[in-house]
Every structure is written in C-alpha cells, then in structure tokens.
C-alpha atoms as a PDB file:
ATOM      1  CA  LYS A   1       7.794 -84.722  77.132  1.00  0.00           C
ATOM      2  CA  LEU A   2       6.021 -85.664  73.886  1.00  0.00           C
ATOM      3  CA  ASN A   3       3.247 -87.320  75.921  1.00  0.00           C
ATOM      4  CA  LYS A   4       3.615 -90.500  73.883  1.00  0.00           C
ATOM      5  CA  THR A   5       3.342 -92.845  76.843  1.00  0.00           C
ATOM      6  CA  GLU A   6       2.812 -95.958  74.711  1.00  0.00           C
ATOM      7  CA  ILE A   7       6.231 -95.569  73.124  1.00  0.00           C
ATOM      8  CA  TYR A   8       7.739 -94.650  76.486  1.00  0.00           C
ATOM      9  CA  ASP A   9       6.331 -97.772  78.147  1.00  0.00           C
ATOM     10  CA  GLU A  10       7.557 -99.990  75.316  1.00  0.00           C
ATOM     11  CA  PHE A  11      11.137 -98.833  75.532  1.00  0.00           C
ATOM     12  CA  ILE A  12      11.288 -98.577  79.314  1.00  0.00           C
ATOM     13  CA  LYS A  13      10.211-102.222  79.424  1.00  0.00           C
ATOM     14  CA  ARG A  14      12.761-103.140  76.773  1.00  0.00           C
ATOM     15  CA  SER A  15      15.508-101.433  78.773  1.00  0.00           C
ATOM     16  CA  GLN A  16      14.950-104.001  81.530  1.00  0.00           C
ATOM     17  CA  ASN A  17      15.311-107.040  79.266  1.00  0.00           C
ATOM     18  CA  TRP A  18      18.897-107.574  80.474  1.00  0.00           C
ATOM     19  CA  LYS A  19      17.387-109.027  83.660  1.00  0.00           C
ATOM     20  CA  ASN A  20      15.954-111.898  81.611  1.00  0.00           C
ATOM     21  CA  ASN A  21      19.470-112.984  80.642  1.00  0.00           C
ATOM     22  CA  PHE A  22      21.183-112.370  83.963  1.00  0.00           C
ATOM     23  CA  ASN A  23      21.657-115.579  85.937  1.00  0.00           C
ATOM     24  CA  ILE A  24      21.810-114.647  89.617  1.00  0.00           C
ATOM     25  CA  ASN A  25      23.264-118.088  90.390  1.00  0.00           C
ATOM     26  CA  THR A  26      26.353-117.543  88.246  1.00  0.00           C
ATOM     27  CA  GLY A  27      26.478-113.736  88.203  1.00  0.00           C
ATOM     28  CA  PHE A  28      26.733-113.718  84.411  1.00  0.00           C
ATOM     29  CA  MET A  29      24.580-112.831  81.447  1.00  0.00           C
ATOM     30  CA  GLN A  30      23.710-116.137  79.764  1.00  0.00           C
ATOM     31  CA  PRO A  31      21.773-117.166  76.666  1.00  0.00           C
ATOM     32  CA  LYS A  32      18.398-118.796  77.237  1.00  0.00           C
ATOM     33  CA  MET A  33      16.796-121.694  75.440  1.00  0.00           C
ATOM     34  CA  ALA A  34      13.332-121.596  73.868  1.00  0.00           C
ATOM     35  CA  ASP A  35      11.840-123.140  77.022  1.00  0.00           C
ATOM     36  CA  GLY A  36      13.166-120.273  79.158  1.00  0.00           C
ATOM     37  CA  THR A  37      16.012-122.180  80.804  1.00  0.00           C
ATOM     38  CA  PHE A  38      19.612-121.018  80.690  1.00  0.00           C
ATOM     39  CA  LYS A  39      21.924-122.715  78.216  1.00  0.00           C
ATOM     40  CA  LYS A  40      23.759-125.447  80.141  1.00  0.00           C
ATOM     41  CA  GLU A  41      26.930-125.496  78.056  1.00  0.00           C
ATOM     42  CA  PHE A  42      28.192-122.104  79.163  1.00  0.00           C
ATOM     43  CA  ASP A  43      31.679-120.583  79.219  1.00  0.00           C
ATOM     44  CA  PRO A  44      31.820-116.884  80.227  1.00  0.00           C
ATOM     45  CA  LEU A  45      35.162-116.467  78.451  1.00  0.00           C
ATOM     46  CA  SER A  46      34.155-118.027  75.145  1.00  0.00           C
ATOM     47  CA  THR A  47      32.991-115.991  72.164  1.00  0.00           C
ATOM     48  CA  GLU A  48      31.793-118.987  70.176  1.00  0.00           C
ATOM     49  CA  GLY A  49      28.199-120.202  70.368  1.00  0.00           C
ATOM     50  CA  GLN A  50      27.438-118.286  73.536  1.00  0.00           C
ATOM     51  CA  GLY A  51      24.986-115.766  72.119  1.00  0.00           C
ATOM     52  CA  PHE A  52      27.291-112.763  72.117  1.00  0.00           C
ATOM     53  CA  ILE A  53      28.786-110.812  69.224  1.00  0.00           C
ATOM     54  CA  GLU A  54      32.230-109.160  69.453  1.00  0.00           C
ATOM     55  CA  GLY A  55      32.608-110.058  73.090  1.00  0.00           C
ATOM     56  CA  ASN A  56      32.020-112.683  75.744  1.00  0.00           C
ATOM     57  CA  SER A  57      29.856-112.926  78.832  1.00  0.00           C
ATOM     58  CA  TRP A  58      32.549-111.430  81.042  1.00  0.00           C
ATOM     59  CA  ASN A  59      32.225-108.190  79.079  1.00  0.00           C
ATOM     60  CA  TYR A  60      28.525-108.332  78.268  1.00  0.00           C
ATOM     61  CA  SER A  61      27.575-109.119  81.870  1.00  0.00           C
ATOM     62  CA  PHE A  62      28.289-105.456  82.577  1.00  0.00           C
ATOM     63  CA  PHE A  63      26.137-104.290  79.666  1.00  0.00           C
ATOM     64  CA  ALA A  64      23.426-102.393  81.496  1.00  0.00           C
ATOM     65  CA  PRO A  65      24.790 -98.850  81.178  1.00  0.00           C
ATOM     66  CA  GLN A  66      21.266 -97.483  81.600  1.00  0.00           C
ATOM     67  CA  ASP A  67      20.844 -99.135  85.018  1.00  0.00           C
ATOM     68  CA  PRO A  68      24.165 -99.629  86.861  1.00  0.00           C
ATOM     69  CA  GLU A  69      22.554 -99.495  90.307  1.00  0.00           C
ATOM     70  CA  ALA A  70      20.249-102.422  89.500  1.00  0.00           C
ATOM     71  CA  LEU A  71      23.109-104.340  87.889  1.00  0.00           C
ATOM     72  CA  LYS A  72      25.244-103.785  90.989  1.00  0.00           C
ATOM     73  CA  THR A  73      22.445-105.108  93.190  1.00  0.00           C
ATOM     74  CA  SER A  74      21.917-108.138  90.944  1.00  0.00           C
ATOM     75  CA  MET A  75      25.604-109.021  91.151  1.00  0.00           C
ATOM     76  CA  GLY A  76      25.474-109.073  94.934  1.00  0.00           C
ATOM     77  CA  GLY A  77      26.033-105.494  96.010  1.00  0.00           C
ATOM     78  CA  GLU A  78      28.790-102.918  95.841  1.00  0.00           C
ATOM     79  CA  LYS A  79      31.617-105.052  97.247  1.00  0.00           C
ATOM     80  CA  VAL A  80      30.984-107.958  94.878  1.00  0.00           C
ATOM     81  CA  PHE A  81      30.420-105.588  91.952  1.00  0.00           C
ATOM     82  CA  ALA A  82      33.775-103.864  92.527  1.00  0.00           C
ATOM     83  CA  ALA A  83      35.550-107.211  92.913  1.00  0.00           C
ATOM     84  CA  ARG A  84      34.088-108.411  89.617  1.00  0.00           C
ATOM     85  CA  LEU A  85      35.400-105.284  87.924  1.00  0.00           C
ATOM     86  CA  ASP A  86      38.825-105.905  89.463  1.00  0.00           C
ATOM     87  CA  THR A  87      38.819-109.455  88.110  1.00  0.00           C
ATOM     88  CA  LEU A  88      37.827-108.338  84.626  1.00  0.00           C
ATOM     89  CA  PHE A  89      40.717-105.880  84.373  1.00  0.00           C
ATOM     90  CA  SER A  90      43.339-108.132  85.973  1.00  0.00           C
ATOM     91  CA  MET A  91      42.673-111.669  84.697  1.00  0.00           C
ATOM     92  CA  HIS A  92      45.103-113.433  82.368  1.00  0.00           C
ATOM     93  CA  LEU A  93      43.756-115.017  79.214  1.00  0.00           C
ATOM     94  CA  PRO A  94      45.552-118.138  77.913  1.00  0.00           C
ATOM     95  CA  ASP A  95      46.789-118.407  74.344  1.00  0.00           C
ATOM     96  CA  SER A  96      44.025-120.930  73.660  1.00  0.00           C
ATOM     97  CA  PHE A  97      41.483-118.137  74.144  1.00  0.00           C
ATOM     98  CA  PHE A  98      42.807-116.269  71.122  1.00  0.00           C
ATOM     99  CA  GLU A  99      42.878-119.381  68.949  1.00  0.00           C
ATOM    100  CA  HIS A 100      39.092-119.570  68.903  1.00  0.00           C
ATOM    101  CA  THR A 101      37.885-116.079  69.656  1.00  0.00           C
ATOM    102  CA  GLU A 102      36.207-113.767  67.177  1.00  0.00           C
ATOM    103  CA  ASP A 103      37.920-110.561  66.088  1.00  0.00           C
ATOM    104  CA  ILE A 104      39.887-110.110  69.329  1.00  0.00           C
ATOM    105  CA  THR A 105      43.654-109.865  69.738  1.00  0.00           C
ATOM    106  CA  ARG A 106      45.858-109.278  72.784  1.00  0.00           C
ATOM    107  CA  GLU A 107      46.502-105.733  71.592  1.00  0.00           C
ATOM    108  CA  GLY A 108      42.878-104.799  72.232  1.00  0.00           C
ATOM    109  CA  ILE A 109      42.592-106.368  75.680  1.00  0.00           C
ATOM    110  CA  ILE A 110      43.457-105.315  79.235  1.00  0.00           C
ATOM    111  CA  GLY A 111      43.051-108.355  81.482  1.00  0.00           C
ATOM    112  CA  GLY A 112      39.763-109.707  80.161  1.00  0.00           C
ATOM    113  CA  TYR A 113      38.389-106.291  79.264  1.00  0.00           C
ATOM    114  CA  VAL A 114      37.989-105.999  75.500  1.00  0.00           C
ATOM    115  CA  HIS A 115      38.525-102.391  74.440  1.00  0.00           C
ATOM    116  CA  GLY A 116      39.116-103.325  70.809  1.00  0.00           C
ATOM    117  CA  ASN A 117      35.411-104.127  70.448  1.00  0.00           C
ATOM    118  CA  GLU A 118      33.037-101.535  71.765  1.00  0.00           C
ATOM    119  CA  PRO A 119      30.328-103.246  73.886  1.00  0.00           C
ATOM    120  CA  ALA A 120      32.347-102.759  77.095  1.00  0.00           C
ATOM    121  CA  HIS A 121      33.527 -99.177  76.583  1.00  0.00           C
ATOM    122  CA  HIS A 122      31.538 -97.909  79.555  1.00  0.00           C
ATOM    123  CA  VAL A 123      32.783-100.532  82.025  1.00  0.00           C
ATOM    124  CA  ALA A 124      35.914 -98.734  83.261  1.00  0.00           C
ATOM    125  CA  TYR A 125      33.650 -95.922  84.450  1.00  0.00           C
ATOM    126  CA  PHE A 126      31.561 -98.300  86.577  1.00  0.00           C
ATOM    127  CA  TYR A 127      33.891 -97.881  89.565  1.00  0.00           C
ATOM    128  CA  ASN A 128      32.158 -94.510  89.961  1.00  0.00           C
ATOM    129  CA  TRP A 129      29.137 -96.506  91.151  1.00  0.00           C
ATOM    130  CA  THR A 130      31.245 -97.973  93.964  1.00  0.00           C
ATOM    131  CA  ASN A 131      33.260 -96.335  96.729  1.00  0.00           C
ATOM    132  CA  GLN A 132      36.428 -96.698  94.614  1.00  0.00           C
ATOM    133  CA  PRO A 133      36.176 -94.061  91.855  1.00  0.00           C
ATOM    134  CA  TRP A 134      39.963 -93.750  91.785  1.00  0.00           C
ATOM    135  CA  LYS A 135      40.025 -97.121  90.027  1.00  0.00           C
ATOM    136  CA  THR A 136      38.035 -95.612  87.161  1.00  0.00           C
ATOM    137  CA  GLN A 137      40.651 -92.881  86.928  1.00  0.00           C
ATOM    138  CA  ALA A 138      43.520 -95.388  86.864  1.00  0.00           C
ATOM    139  CA  GLN A 139      41.890 -97.646  84.265  1.00  0.00           C
ATOM    140  CA  ILE A 140      40.955 -94.752  81.997  1.00  0.00           C
ATOM    141  CA  ARG A 141      44.523 -93.497  81.882  1.00  0.00           C
ATOM    142  CA  LYS A 142      45.823 -97.040  81.311  1.00  0.00           C
ATOM    143  CA  ILE A 143      43.427 -97.531  78.385  1.00  0.00           C
ATOM    144  CA  LEU A 144      44.299 -94.145  76.878  1.00  0.00           C
ATOM    145  CA  ASP A 145      47.995 -94.988  77.124  1.00  0.00           C
ATOM    146  CA  MET A 146      47.842 -98.600  75.927  1.00  0.00           C
ATOM    147  CA  GLN A 147      45.117 -98.563  73.284  1.00  0.00           C
ATOM    148  CA  TYR A 148      45.884 -95.338  71.416  1.00  0.00           C
ATOM    149  CA  LYS A 149      49.296 -94.635  69.900  1.00  0.00           C
ATOM    150  CA  PRO A 150      50.510 -92.675  66.841  1.00  0.00           C
ATOM    151  CA  THR A 151      51.781 -95.813  65.085  1.00  0.00           C
ATOM    152  CA  PRO A 152      50.476 -98.009  62.222  1.00  0.00           C
ATOM    153  CA  ASP A 153      49.183-100.519  64.796  1.00  0.00           C
ATOM    154  CA  GLY A 154      48.252 -97.847  67.328  1.00  0.00           C
ATOM    155  CA  LEU A 155      44.540 -98.623  67.585  1.00  0.00           C
ATOM    156  CA  GLY A 156      43.524-101.655  69.634  1.00  0.00           C
ATOM    157  CA  GLY A 157      40.534-102.390  67.402  1.00  0.00           C
ATOM    158  CA  ASN A 158      38.643-101.123  64.371  1.00  0.00           C
ATOM    159  CA  ASP A 159      36.976 -97.726  64.718  1.00  0.00           C
ATOM    160  CA  ASP A 160      33.376 -98.882  64.216  1.00  0.00           C
ATOM    161  CA  CYS A 161      31.292 -95.777  63.394  1.00  0.00           C
ATOM    162  CA  GLY A 162      33.995 -93.711  65.099  1.00  0.00           C
ATOM    163  CA  GLN A 163      33.321 -95.158  68.563  1.00  0.00           C
ATOM    164  CA  MET A 164      36.986 -95.879  69.387  1.00  0.00           C
ATOM    165  CA  SER A 165      37.771 -92.266  68.537  1.00  0.00           C
ATOM    166  CA  ALA A 166      34.730 -90.918  70.388  1.00  0.00           C
ATOM    167  CA  TRP A 167      35.786 -92.792  73.524  1.00  0.00           C
ATOM    168  CA  TYR A 168      39.250 -91.273  73.216  1.00  0.00           C
ATOM    169  CA  ILE A 169      37.992 -87.714  72.808  1.00  0.00           C
ATOM    170  CA  PHE A 170      35.500 -87.893  75.671  1.00  0.00           C
ATOM    171  CA  SER A 171      37.916 -89.651  78.027  1.00  0.00           C
ATOM    172  CA  SER A 172      40.742 -87.257  77.173  1.00  0.00           C
ATOM    173  CA  LEU A 173      38.475 -84.394  78.214  1.00  0.00           C
ATOM    174  CA  GLY A 174      37.710 -86.120  81.519  1.00  0.00           C
ATOM    175  CA  PHE A 175      34.117 -87.352  81.196  1.00  0.00           C
ATOM    176  CA  TYR A 176      32.100 -89.928  79.276  1.00  0.00           C
ATOM    177  CA  PRO A 177      28.409 -90.711  78.456  1.00  0.00           C
ATOM    178  CA  VAL A 178      28.057 -94.106  80.151  1.00  0.00           C
ATOM    179  CA  ALA A 179      24.384 -94.127  79.099  1.00  0.00           C
ATOM    180  CA  PRO A 180      24.262 -91.997  75.911  1.00  0.00           C
ATOM    181  CA  SER A 181      20.562 -91.162  76.245  1.00  0.00           C
ATOM    182  CA  SER A 182      21.012 -89.911  79.794  1.00  0.00           C
ATOM    183  CA  ASP A 183      21.669 -86.279  80.697  1.00  0.00           C
ATOM    184  CA  GLU A 184      24.662 -87.322  82.812  1.00  0.00           C
ATOM    185  CA  TYR A 185      28.330 -87.978  82.103  1.00  0.00           C
ATOM    186  CA  ALA A 186      30.678 -89.941  84.354  1.00  0.00           C
ATOM    187  CA  ILE A 187      33.852 -88.180  85.480  1.00  0.00           C
ATOM    188  CA  GLY A 188      37.134 -89.906  84.620  1.00  0.00           C
ATOM    189  CA  SER A 189      40.741 -88.715  84.374  1.00  0.00           C
ATOM    190  CA  PRO A 190      41.597 -86.128  81.690  1.00  0.00           C
ATOM    191  CA  VAL A 191      44.840 -86.077  79.710  1.00  0.00           C
ATOM    192  CA  VAL A 192      44.418 -82.564  78.292  1.00  0.00           C
ATOM    193  CA  ASN A 193      46.006 -79.577  79.992  1.00  0.00           C
ATOM    194  CA  ASN A 194      42.935 -77.526  79.125  1.00  0.00           C
ATOM    195  CA  ALA A 195      40.250 -77.357  76.474  1.00  0.00           C
ATOM    196  CA  ILE A 196      37.516 -75.052  75.269  1.00  0.00           C
ATOM    197  CA  LEU A 197      34.398 -76.433  73.577  1.00  0.00           C
ATOM    198  CA  THR A 198      32.584 -73.826  71.506  1.00  0.00           C
ATOM    199  CA  LEU A 199      28.949 -74.897  71.334  1.00  0.00           C
ATOM    200  CA  GLU A 200      26.264 -74.361  68.705  1.00  0.00           C
ATOM    201  CA  ASN A 201      24.412 -71.946  71.002  1.00  0.00           C
ATOM    202  CA  GLY A 202      27.498 -69.752  71.239  1.00  0.00           C
ATOM    203  CA  ASN A 203      28.409 -70.735  74.794  1.00  0.00           C
ATOM    204  CA  GLN A 204      31.805 -72.103  75.741  1.00  0.00           C
ATOM    205  CA  PHE A 205      32.489 -75.039  78.022  1.00  0.00           C
ATOM    206  CA  LYS A 206      35.969 -74.776  79.510  1.00  0.00           C
ATOM    207  CA  ILE A 207      38.093 -77.529  81.005  1.00  0.00           C
ATOM    208  CA  ASN A 208      41.119 -76.670  83.148  1.00  0.00           C
ATOM    209  CA  VAL A 209      43.471 -79.315  84.536  1.00  0.00           C
ATOM    210  CA  ILE A 210      45.812 -78.397  87.385  1.00  0.00           C
ATOM    211  CA  ASN A 211      48.984 -80.476  87.992  1.00  0.00           C
ATOM    212  CA  GLN A 212      48.554 -82.494  84.809  1.00  0.00           C
ATOM    213  CA  SER A 213      51.281 -85.110  84.196  1.00  0.00           C
ATOM    214  CA  ALA A 214      51.743 -88.746  83.207  1.00  0.00           C
ATOM    215  CA  LYS A 215      52.101 -89.647  86.906  1.00  0.00           C
ATOM    216  CA  ASN A 216      49.229 -87.542  88.212  1.00  0.00           C
ATOM    217  CA  ILE A 217      46.445 -89.809  86.999  1.00  0.00           C
ATOM    218  CA  TYR A 218      44.153 -89.428  90.025  1.00  0.00           C
ATOM    219  CA  VAL A 219      41.595 -86.699  90.611  1.00  0.00           C
ATOM    220  CA  GLN A 220      42.212 -84.949  93.920  1.00  0.00           C
ATOM    221  CA  LYS A 221      39.091 -82.869  93.395  1.00  0.00           C
ATOM    222  CA  VAL A 222      36.959 -81.638  90.513  1.00  0.00           C
ATOM    223  CA  LEU A 223      34.996 -78.393  90.533  1.00  0.00           C
ATOM    224  CA  LEU A 224      32.161 -77.097  88.382  1.00  0.00           C
ATOM    225  CA  ASN A 225      32.127 -73.304  88.410  1.00  0.00           C
ATOM    226  CA  GLY A 226      34.023 -73.442  91.695  1.00  0.00           C
ATOM    227  CA  THR A 227      31.744 -75.983  93.408  1.00  0.00           C
ATOM    228  CA  ILE A 228      33.106 -79.453  94.193  1.00  0.00           C
ATOM    229  CA  ILE A 229      31.486 -82.381  92.350  1.00  0.00           C
ATOM    230  CA  LYS A 230      31.189 -85.164  94.915  1.00  0.00           C
ATOM    231  CA  ASP A 231      29.291 -87.800  92.955  1.00  0.00           C
ATOM    232  CA  PHE A 232      31.595 -87.813  89.901  1.00  0.00           C
ATOM    233  CA  LYS A 233      28.696 -86.933  87.606  1.00  0.00           C
ATOM    234  CA  LEU A 234      28.439 -84.050  85.161  1.00  0.00           C
ATOM    235  CA  LYS A 235      25.069 -82.854  83.869  1.00  0.00           C
ATOM    236  CA  HIS A 236      24.675 -82.144  80.157  1.00  0.00           C
ATOM    237  CA  ARG A 237      23.052 -78.825  81.039  1.00  0.00           C
ATOM    238  CA  ALA A 238      26.309 -77.720  82.641  1.00  0.00           C
ATOM    239  CA  ILE A 239      28.002 -78.094  79.272  1.00  0.00           C
ATOM    240  CA  THR A 240      25.357 -76.373  77.162  1.00  0.00           C
ATOM    241  CA  ASP A 241      24.970 -73.515  79.633  1.00  0.00           C
ATOM    242  CA  GLY A 242      28.676 -72.768  79.302  1.00  0.00           C
ATOM    243  CA  SER A 243      30.589 -73.656  82.460  1.00  0.00           C
ATOM    244  CA  THR A 244      34.117 -74.229  83.719  1.00  0.00           C
ATOM    245  CA  LEU A 245      35.193 -77.693  84.848  1.00  0.00           C
ATOM    246  CA  THR A 246      38.429 -77.704  86.837  1.00  0.00           C
ATOM    247  CA  PHE A 247      40.392 -80.848  87.715  1.00  0.00           C
ATOM    248  CA  TYR A 248      43.098 -80.958  90.381  1.00  0.00           C
ATOM    249  CA  MET A 249      45.288 -83.970  89.720  1.00  0.00           C
ATOM    250  CA  THR A 250      47.569 -85.969  92.037  1.00  0.00           C
ATOM    251  CA  SER A 251      49.795 -89.048  91.921  1.00  0.00           C
ATOM    252  CA  LYS A 252      48.024 -90.773  94.808  1.00  0.00           C
ATOM    253  CA  PRO A 253      44.436 -92.033  94.784  1.00  0.00           C
ATOM    254  CA  LYS A 254      41.986 -89.959  96.813  1.00  0.00           C
ATOM    255  CA  LYS A 255      40.210 -92.618  98.873  1.00  0.00           C
END
C-alpha cells in the first residue's frame, strides 16, 4: 500500500527462510552448518546446543505461523501434520529432559508442547488448518485450565512482554492472531459467557456464548452477525466494523 516494493520483497523473502532450516527427511527444523549441511548431532527434544532459544525443535518445527499451508505440505500433508500435532501434545518427557533443559519446567508443558515459553503459542490453533478443528478447541480449553490459575504458582511461565497474558485474553474471548501481521484470527473455544469490546472508533464488538460450561468445550457452530463461519477464521475488519460473534457450545466434538 505504501508502494515500497523493495522493502516488501525483502521481508517476503525473509518470511520464507524457515524453509532453509526445515529438513524434509526428518520433518524437523534443524540448525545448519557453515557449508549448508544440516547439523549431524541432532536431538529434536534437546534445548542445548541445537540452535534454539527457549524451546526445542519439536516446538520450533511448527514456527511458521505466517505460512501454515506450506508448513503442512512440507511435513507431508494434512494427515501427517495433524498426527505430528497429536504427538506434540501427548508425548511424555522423561525426568532427564528437565535436568538439562533451559528455563522449562513440567508446570509449563502439556505433552511436549511448551506453553511456559512463547514460541509455540500459536500451535494449538494449527488444527484449524486440518479437518480436525475440534482438537484446537479441546487443547485451548486444556491450556486455559492448566496454565492459568489464581495461585502464587498459577502461571506456567514468565509473562515476557505480556505475551502469556495476551494469549489468555485472546483465547478466553474465542479467537487468536496466529500470524499477528495478518488480518485474520483463528477461532478457538471461549471461556467467557459474553464480552463487549469498545473500540477506539466508537464501535462495539460483541461476543455471545450460548451453553457455556466447563464441559461444553467444543464449538457446535459460530456465527458472525448471524452467518455461520465455516473456515474458523475471523477477519480483523469484522471487529473494527462492530459486529456480533456468537458461539454455540457443546460437550461433544463437531466432526
């Protein structure tokens, strides 16, 4: 829009750099040596000497929030992508993992997913890019319940720049900016009964949740101004224009 194509080209190219570190043979992001080859001594669970900060390759291998479709394809397609997500959230980490890891404790982890450090905060929403969006809804509610409590140790990690809190607020409202510079939010599973956001332009964005409860974690349907949202995406313009987002919740996944 500024007609500064040189800057545009630079950053569009940079946004694809994740492909340089993705090893299609292993399905993981891996560090490369100066000669362009992948580092041979590689452990996707380790956080020491693997080229990652505040996380490991299992978490960082999903770090392409700006291009989930390409990441899904690189991992082998939708079925493999969904299975990898399942593994991340269900794996068991041995005690030896925590003896050598950096700044990670069991309190901030679900399976192998590290919520206590922020680089993987978008990953639970990635099921929306598969045919199993109900798994996003289930994981979001699990994270909200397990990682945020009104106790002295109620936060599963430090609130770097407010990101742990921002994730909580967005997810509680039922949507989240998977790619912050995009104009789209991914739909999740709200915990509020209702909410009204009063915007700087004077408009109000309203959120209504029907059949809200601790058991009704799945979205039966979600409507924007009365029209069903089928792709589980919410446009930023819908918020700023002043709209009504209505969730109908249920205890069983809508497959």
